[in-house]
Amino acid sequence: MSFHQRSITFAAAVALSVTVVLPAHAQSWPEKGITIVVPTAAGGANDAMARIIGQGLSARLGKPVIVENKAGANGAIASEFVARAAPDGYTIMFGYIATHGINPALQKLKYDPVADFEPIGMVAASPTVLVVNNAVPAKNVKELVQLIKAKPDSFSYATAGNGTAPHIAGELFKLSIGQDVVGVPYKGSAPAVVDTIGGTTQYMFPSMFTGYPQVKGGKLRALAIAGEKRSRVMPELPTLTEQGVPNVNMSQWYAMFAPAKTPKTVIDRLNAEMNAVLNDKATEKKIEDQGAEVETGTPDQLKALVQKEVAHWKSVVTAAKIKID
């Protein structure tokens, strides 16, 4: 056998060993604990759902799954952290409409929501709901608009922070009714809800996940769904469009992402295990009891959604001239 022939044979053997070893290594994942980075403070919808899913993943994978909150900059801090993390499947992110949809339209980001991430899969969708505190006498949207226009200085709305979905919904509502209202930004949905219940602010647009428990408990009154269709959780509640206030469509979505270049075998495993957790009836009920609707899908479907959302919110923010201070 010539040297050239021996070289070819050796190269082929090495190539074969690589193709065999890599899948075997990928199949051994996970070999240690996994961290889910949540881009919001503890107590909100993102945090609650991430913990529900983390418990399910831990049970299925046989490894600890911890949740780490990295709030700030409307999720941009956490997003950049995960985008720069090692692409090994041990650091993943619970992203949502702000981090991978709205932020590119409002901020100069240090991450690309498409190029810097590998989509794992959808988790849930939660329509935004217009709620008022119990001191506001309005029983429907028409009555609320009349009250606002009669005494605009007596009304303000709470947001989970500048650039968040509740903020965008509030700005679109102002434009749709043709009346300026002061928006009050908070550091997350939880304190915004507390102050709305207490009367510091009169109304807000939380996700159904955040607002529904308060409505169910009688602490807030729901007036409308700010989405294209009614919610399965509260089918009796009409949309804003049905009540004469169009163009305020804000349905929040939640999904899981990994850093770009995470091996496809790891992504596929995470997708399969996460979908199994979400399809578990007990898990589904935990999420739906909070007002969210479980959504599952493939990594490719989530990638297509992110690309669509980035383009959509850029056009909405530009047309509505929405800015963050």
Protein backbone atom coordinates (compact mmCIF):
# COMPACT_ATOMS: atom_id res chain seq x y z
CA MET A 1 0.00 0.00 0.00
CA SER A 2 1.43 3.35 -1.02
CA PHE A 3 1.88 6.25 1.38
CA HIS A 4 -0.87 8.12 -0.49
CA GLN A 5 -3.25 5.17 -0.12
CA ARG A 6 -2.41 4.79 3.59
CA SER A 7 -3.05 8.55 4.08
CA ILE A 8 -6.46 8.28 2.46
CA THR A 9 -7.32 5.24 4.54
CA PHE A 10 -6.18 6.97 7.77
CA ALA A 11 -8.14 10.13 6.89
CA ALA A 12 -11.25 8.10 6.21
CA ALA A 13 -10.87 6.31 9.53
CA VAL A 14 -10.52 9.62 11.37
CA ALA A 15 -13.56 11.04 9.59
CA LEU A 16 -15.55 7.94 10.47
CA SER A 17 -14.47 8.14 14.11
CA VAL A 18 -15.55 11.79 14.27
CA THR A 19 -18.98 11.07 12.82
CA VAL A 20 -19.41 8.30 15.37
CA VAL A 21 -17.99 10.13 18.41
CA LEU A 22 -19.90 13.42 18.00
CA PRO A 23 -23.41 11.96 18.08
CA ALA A 24 -22.41 9.76 21.02
CA HIS A 25 -21.20 12.83 22.90
CA ALA A 26 -24.36 14.74 22.04
CA GLN A 27 -26.48 11.82 23.22
CA SER A 28 -24.77 11.97 26.63
CA TRP A 29 -26.14 15.47 27.15
CA PRO A 30 -26.97 16.60 29.79
CA GLU A 31 -24.07 15.68 32.03
CA LYS A 32 -24.70 18.50 34.54
CA GLY A 33 -27.32 21.00 35.63
CA ILE A 34 -29.02 23.47 33.27
CA THR A 35 -29.69 27.16 33.89
CA ILE A 36 -32.75 28.89 32.48
CA VAL A 37 -32.08 32.63 32.34
CA VAL A 38 -35.23 34.70 32.82
CA PRO A 39 -35.02 38.31 31.55
CA THR A 40 -37.43 39.69 34.15
CA ALA A 41 -37.62 39.95 37.94
CA ALA A 42 -39.04 37.18 40.08
CA GLY A 43 -42.80 37.11 40.46
CA GLY A 44 -43.88 37.84 36.89
CA ALA A 45 -45.30 35.64 34.15
CA ASN A 46 -41.91 34.79 32.64
CA ASP A 47 -40.49 33.74 35.99
CA ALA A 48 -43.50 31.64 36.96
CA MET A 49 -43.65 29.74 33.67
CA ALA A 50 -39.89 29.20 33.55
CA ARG A 51 -40.05 27.59 36.99
CA ILE A 52 -42.96 25.37 36.00
CA ILE A 53 -41.07 24.18 32.92
CA GLY A 54 -37.79 23.89 34.82
CA GLN A 55 -39.36 21.48 37.30
CA GLY A 56 -40.70 19.36 34.46
CA LEU A 57 -37.40 19.33 32.56
CA SER A 58 -35.48 18.41 35.70
CA ALA A 59 -37.72 15.41 36.28
CA ARG A 60 -37.40 14.24 32.68
CA LEU A 61 -33.66 14.86 32.25
CA GLY A 62 -32.59 13.70 35.69
CA LYS A 63 -30.48 16.83 36.24
CA PRO A 64 -31.12 20.00 38.26
CA VAL A 65 -32.63 22.89 36.32
CA ILE A 66 -32.31 26.26 38.03
CA VAL A 67 -33.85 29.61 37.15
CA GLU A 68 -31.66 32.71 37.19
CA ASN A 69 -33.31 36.12 36.94
CA LYS A 70 -31.40 38.80 35.03
CA ALA A 71 -33.78 41.72 34.79
CA GLY A 72 -33.02 45.04 33.11
CA ALA A 73 -33.25 46.96 29.83
CA ASN A 74 -36.53 45.27 28.93
CA GLY A 75 -34.82 41.89 28.77
CA ALA A 76 -31.80 43.04 26.77
CA ILE A 77 -29.32 42.35 29.58
CA ALA A 78 -30.35 38.71 29.87
CA SER A 79 -30.54 38.32 26.10
CA GLU A 80 -26.98 39.55 25.61
CA PHE A 81 -25.76 37.29 28.43
CA VAL A 82 -27.29 34.18 26.86
CA ALA A 83 -26.19 35.17 23.35
CA ARG A 84 -22.58 35.21 24.61
CA ALA A 85 -22.88 32.02 26.68
CA ALA A 86 -21.22 28.75 25.68
CA PRO A 87 -23.35 26.98 23.04
CA ASP A 88 -23.49 23.69 24.94
CA GLY A 89 -27.12 23.52 26.04
CA TYR A 90 -26.41 24.28 29.69
CA THR A 91 -27.44 27.94 29.51
CA ILE A 92 -30.78 28.62 27.85
CA MET A 93 -33.19 31.52 27.89
CA PHE A 94 -36.85 32.01 28.56
CA GLY A 95 -37.46 34.68 25.92
CA TYR A 96 -40.65 36.51 25.08
CA ILE A 97 -42.20 39.08 22.80
CA ALA A 98 -40.03 41.94 24.10
CA THR A 99 -36.63 40.24 23.85
CA HIS A 100 -37.19 38.71 20.43
CA GLY A 101 -39.82 40.97 18.90
CA ILE A 102 -40.21 44.50 20.27
CA ASN A 103 -36.70 45.38 21.49
CA PRO A 104 -35.06 45.62 18.05
CA ALA A 105 -37.55 48.37 17.16
CA LEU A 106 -36.81 50.44 20.27
CA GLN A 107 -33.22 49.84 21.32
CA LYS A 108 -29.74 49.66 19.90
CA LEU A 109 -29.03 46.10 20.92
CA LYS A 110 -25.79 44.24 21.49
CA TYR A 111 -27.42 41.05 20.28
CA ASP A 112 -29.34 39.93 17.21
CA PRO A 113 -32.60 38.14 18.12
CA VAL A 114 -32.29 35.93 15.04
CA ALA A 115 -28.57 35.40 14.35
CA ASP A 116 -27.41 35.05 17.96
CA PHE A 117 -29.88 32.37 19.06
CA GLU A 118 -31.01 28.87 18.27
CA PRO A 119 -34.78 28.64 18.78
CA ILE A 120 -35.84 25.69 20.94
CA GLY A 121 -39.60 26.00 20.85
CA MET A 122 -42.74 27.86 21.89
CA VAL A 123 -44.01 27.66 25.45
CA ALA A 124 -47.25 29.63 25.68
CA ALA A 125 -49.24 32.60 24.47
CA SER A 126 -51.08 35.03 26.69
CA PRO A 127 -53.36 37.72 25.32
CA THR A 128 -53.04 41.16 26.84
CA VAL A 129 -56.08 42.25 28.83
CA LEU A 130 -57.29 45.73 29.69
CA VAL A 131 -57.98 45.90 33.43
CA VAL A 132 -59.06 48.71 35.75
CA ASN A 133 -58.97 49.01 39.51
CA ASN A 134 -62.26 48.61 41.33
CA ALA A 135 -62.56 52.32 42.08
CA VAL A 136 -62.98 53.06 38.36
CA PRO A 137 -66.74 52.85 37.68
CA ALA A 138 -66.42 51.82 34.02
CA LYS A 139 -67.98 48.45 33.22
CA ASN A 140 -66.89 48.41 29.56
CA VAL A 141 -64.43 50.14 27.23
CA LYS A 142 -66.89 52.78 26.03
CA GLU A 143 -67.50 53.94 29.60
CA LEU A 144 -63.75 53.98 30.33
CA VAL A 145 -63.04 56.13 27.28
CA GLN A 146 -65.79 58.56 28.28
CA LEU A 147 -64.33 58.87 31.78
CA ILE A 148 -60.80 59.39 30.44
CA LYS A 149 -61.88 62.09 27.98
CA ALA A 150 -63.95 63.86 30.64
CA LYS A 151 -61.04 64.01 33.13
CA PRO A 152 -57.80 62.99 31.39
CA ASP A 153 -55.64 64.35 34.22
CA SER A 154 -57.29 61.92 36.63
CA PHE A 155 -56.07 58.87 34.72
CA SER A 156 -52.75 57.14 34.30
CA TYR A 157 -51.84 53.64 33.23
CA ALA A 158 -49.18 51.31 34.61
CA THR A 159 -46.61 49.49 32.52
CA ALA A 160 -44.02 46.82 33.26
CA GLY A 161 -41.37 49.25 32.01
CA ASN A 162 -40.68 51.29 28.89
CA GLY A 163 -40.78 49.18 25.75
CA THR A 164 -42.66 46.29 27.34
CA ALA A 165 -45.82 44.82 25.87
CA PRO A 166 -48.06 46.61 28.45
CA HIS A 167 -46.38 49.90 27.49
CA ILE A 168 -46.83 49.37 23.75
CA ALA A 169 -50.47 48.34 24.28
CA GLY A 170 -51.06 51.46 26.38
CA GLU A 171 -49.55 53.70 23.71
CA LEU A 172 -51.62 52.08 20.97
CA PHE A 173 -54.75 52.50 23.11
CA LYS A 174 -54.01 56.23 23.52
CA LEU A 175 -53.64 56.61 19.76
CA SER A 176 -56.80 54.64 19.05
CA ILE A 177 -59.00 56.70 21.40
CA GLY A 178 -57.31 60.00 20.47
CA GLN A 179 -56.52 61.01 24.04
CA ASP A 180 -53.16 61.41 25.76
CA VAL A 181 -52.80 59.57 29.07
CA VAL A 182 -49.75 59.45 31.35
CA GLY A 183 -47.95 56.10 31.36
CA VAL A 184 -46.17 55.10 34.58
CA PRO A 185 -43.30 52.63 34.09
CA TYR A 186 -42.51 50.05 36.78
CA LYS A 187 -39.71 47.52 37.14
CA GLY A 188 -41.80 44.55 36.09
CA SER A 189 -45.45 43.53 35.94
CA ALA A 190 -45.79 42.58 39.62
CA PRO A 191 -45.32 46.10 41.09
CA ALA A 192 -47.39 47.60 38.25
CA VAL A 193 -50.29 45.31 39.16
CA VAL A 194 -49.94 46.13 42.86
CA ASP A 195 -50.20 49.87 42.23
CA THR A 196 -53.11 49.45 39.84
CA ILE A 197 -54.97 47.45 42.46
CA GLY A 198 -54.13 50.13 45.03
CA GLY A 199 -55.33 53.00 42.82
CA THR A 200 -52.01 54.75 42.19
CA THR A 201 -52.73 54.04 38.51
CA GLN A 202 -56.20 53.46 37.10
CA TYR A 203 -55.66 50.86 34.40
CA MET A 204 -53.06 48.73 32.66
CA PHE A 205 -52.55 46.09 29.98
CA PRO A 206 -50.99 43.05 31.69
CA SER A 207 -50.73 39.69 30.04
CA MET A 208 -53.65 37.43 30.86
CA PHE A 209 -51.14 35.30 32.77
CA THR A 210 -50.45 38.24 35.10
CA GLY A 211 -53.89 39.85 35.18
CA TYR A 212 -56.23 36.87 35.27
CA PRO A 213 -55.52 35.76 38.86
CA GLN A 214 -56.25 39.32 40.05
CA VAL A 215 -59.46 39.46 38.02
CA LYS A 216 -60.51 36.03 39.29
CA GLY A 217 -59.78 37.18 42.84
CA GLY A 218 -61.89 40.29 42.43
CA LYS A 219 -58.98 42.71 42.84
CA LEU A 220 -59.16 44.06 39.26
CA ARG A 221 -61.95 44.29 36.69
CA ALA A 222 -61.33 43.11 33.13
CA LEU A 223 -62.85 45.19 30.35
CA ALA A 224 -61.43 43.76 27.13
CA ILE A 225 -58.95 41.52 25.39
CA ALA A 226 -56.30 43.49 23.50
CA GLY A 227 -55.92 40.91 20.77
CA GLU A 228 -57.35 39.71 17.50
CA LYS A 229 -59.56 37.10 19.15
CA ARG A 230 -61.12 36.28 22.49
CA SER A 231 -59.23 34.22 25.04
CA ARG A 232 -60.02 30.58 25.78
CA VAL A 233 -59.53 31.44 29.44
CA MET A 234 -62.22 34.17 29.49
CA PRO A 235 -64.31 33.56 26.36
CA GLU A 236 -67.04 35.88 27.63
CA LEU A 237 -64.71 38.90 27.54
CA PRO A 238 -64.94 40.83 24.22
CA THR A 239 -61.96 42.27 22.41
CA LEU A 240 -61.21 45.97 22.15
CA THR A 241 -62.07 45.83 18.46
CA GLU A 242 -65.49 44.40 19.26
CA GLN A 243 -66.02 47.39 21.56
CA GLY A 244 -65.07 49.98 18.97
CA VAL A 245 -61.36 50.45 19.71
CA PRO A 246 -59.37 48.84 16.87
CA ASN A 247 -55.63 48.48 16.24
CA VAL A 248 -54.61 47.47 19.76
CA ASN A 249 -53.53 43.89 19.10
CA MET A 250 -51.00 42.74 21.66
CA SER A 251 -50.84 39.03 22.36
CA GLN A 252 -47.74 38.12 24.30
CA TRP A 253 -45.82 34.96 23.55
CA TYR A 254 -43.15 33.06 25.46
CA ALA A 255 -40.50 30.70 24.11
CA MET A 256 -37.18 29.05 24.89
CA PHE A 257 -33.88 29.86 23.16
CA ALA A 258 -30.27 28.68 23.27
CA PRO A 259 -27.09 30.47 22.13
CA ALA A 260 -26.32 30.25 18.42
CA LYS A 261 -24.30 27.19 17.34
CA THR A 262 -25.74 24.98 20.08
CA PRO A 263 -25.65 21.47 18.51
CA LYS A 264 -28.82 20.51 16.69
CA THR A 265 -28.98 17.23 18.59
CA VAL A 266 -29.14 19.17 21.87
CA ILE A 267 -31.75 21.58 20.49
CA ASP A 268 -33.89 18.68 19.26
CA ARG A 269 -33.61 16.94 22.63
CA LEU A 270 -34.58 20.12 24.49
CA ASN A 271 -37.50 20.66 22.13
CA ALA A 272 -38.78 17.11 22.56
CA GLU A 273 -38.47 17.16 26.35
CA MET A 274 -40.00 20.61 26.69
CA ASN A 275 -42.94 19.68 24.48
CA ALA A 276 -43.45 16.57 26.59
CA VAL A 277 -43.53 18.73 29.73
CA LEU A 278 -45.99 21.18 28.16
CA ASN A 279 -48.25 18.39 26.89
CA ASP A 280 -48.51 16.96 30.40
CA LYS A 281 -52.05 17.69 31.60
CA ALA A 282 -50.92 18.78 35.07
CA THR A 283 -48.41 21.27 33.64
CA GLU A 284 -50.90 22.53 31.08
CA LYS A 285 -53.44 23.16 33.83
CA LYS A 286 -50.90 25.06 35.96
CA ILE A 287 -50.24 27.40 33.05
CA GLU A 288 -53.85 27.77 31.96
CA ASP A 289 -54.98 28.40 35.54
CA GLN A 290 -52.86 31.54 35.35
CA GLY A 291 -54.45 32.71 32.11
CA ALA A 292 -51.90 31.56 29.54
CA GLU A 293 -52.48 29.09 26.74
CA VAL A 294 -49.89 26.39 26.12
CA GLU A 295 -48.30 26.51 22.67
CA THR A 296 -45.81 23.97 21.35
CA GLY A 297 -43.95 23.66 18.07
CA THR A 298 -40.67 23.05 16.31
CA PRO A 299 -37.49 25.16 16.38
CA ASP A 300 -38.08 26.12 12.74
CA GLN A 301 -41.59 27.36 13.53
CA LEU A 302 -40.25 29.54 16.34
CA LYS A 303 -37.52 30.92 14.08
CA ALA A 304 -40.13 31.94 11.52
CA LEU A 305 -42.21 33.60 14.25
CA VAL A 306 -39.26 35.66 15.53
CA GLN A 307 -38.41 36.86 12.03
CA LYS A 308 -42.04 37.86 11.48
CA GLU A 309 -42.34 39.59 14.87
CA VAL A 310 -39.17 41.65 14.46
CA ALA A 311 -40.46 43.04 11.15
CA HIS A 312 -43.99 43.58 12.50
CA TRP A 313 -43.04 45.53 15.61
CA LYS A 314 -40.56 47.66 13.73
CA SER A 315 -43.36 48.80 11.44
CA VAL A 316 -45.80 49.33 14.35
CA VAL A 317 -43.35 51.33 16.46
CA THR A 318 -42.35 53.46 13.48
CA ALA A 319 -45.95 54.14 12.42
CA ALA A 320 -47.08 54.93 15.98
CA LYS A 321 -43.93 56.99 16.71
CA ILE A 322 -43.40 55.12 19.97
CA LYS A 323 -40.14 55.84 21.76
CA ILE A 324 -38.59 54.97 25.08
CA ASP A 325 -36.88 57.61 27.20
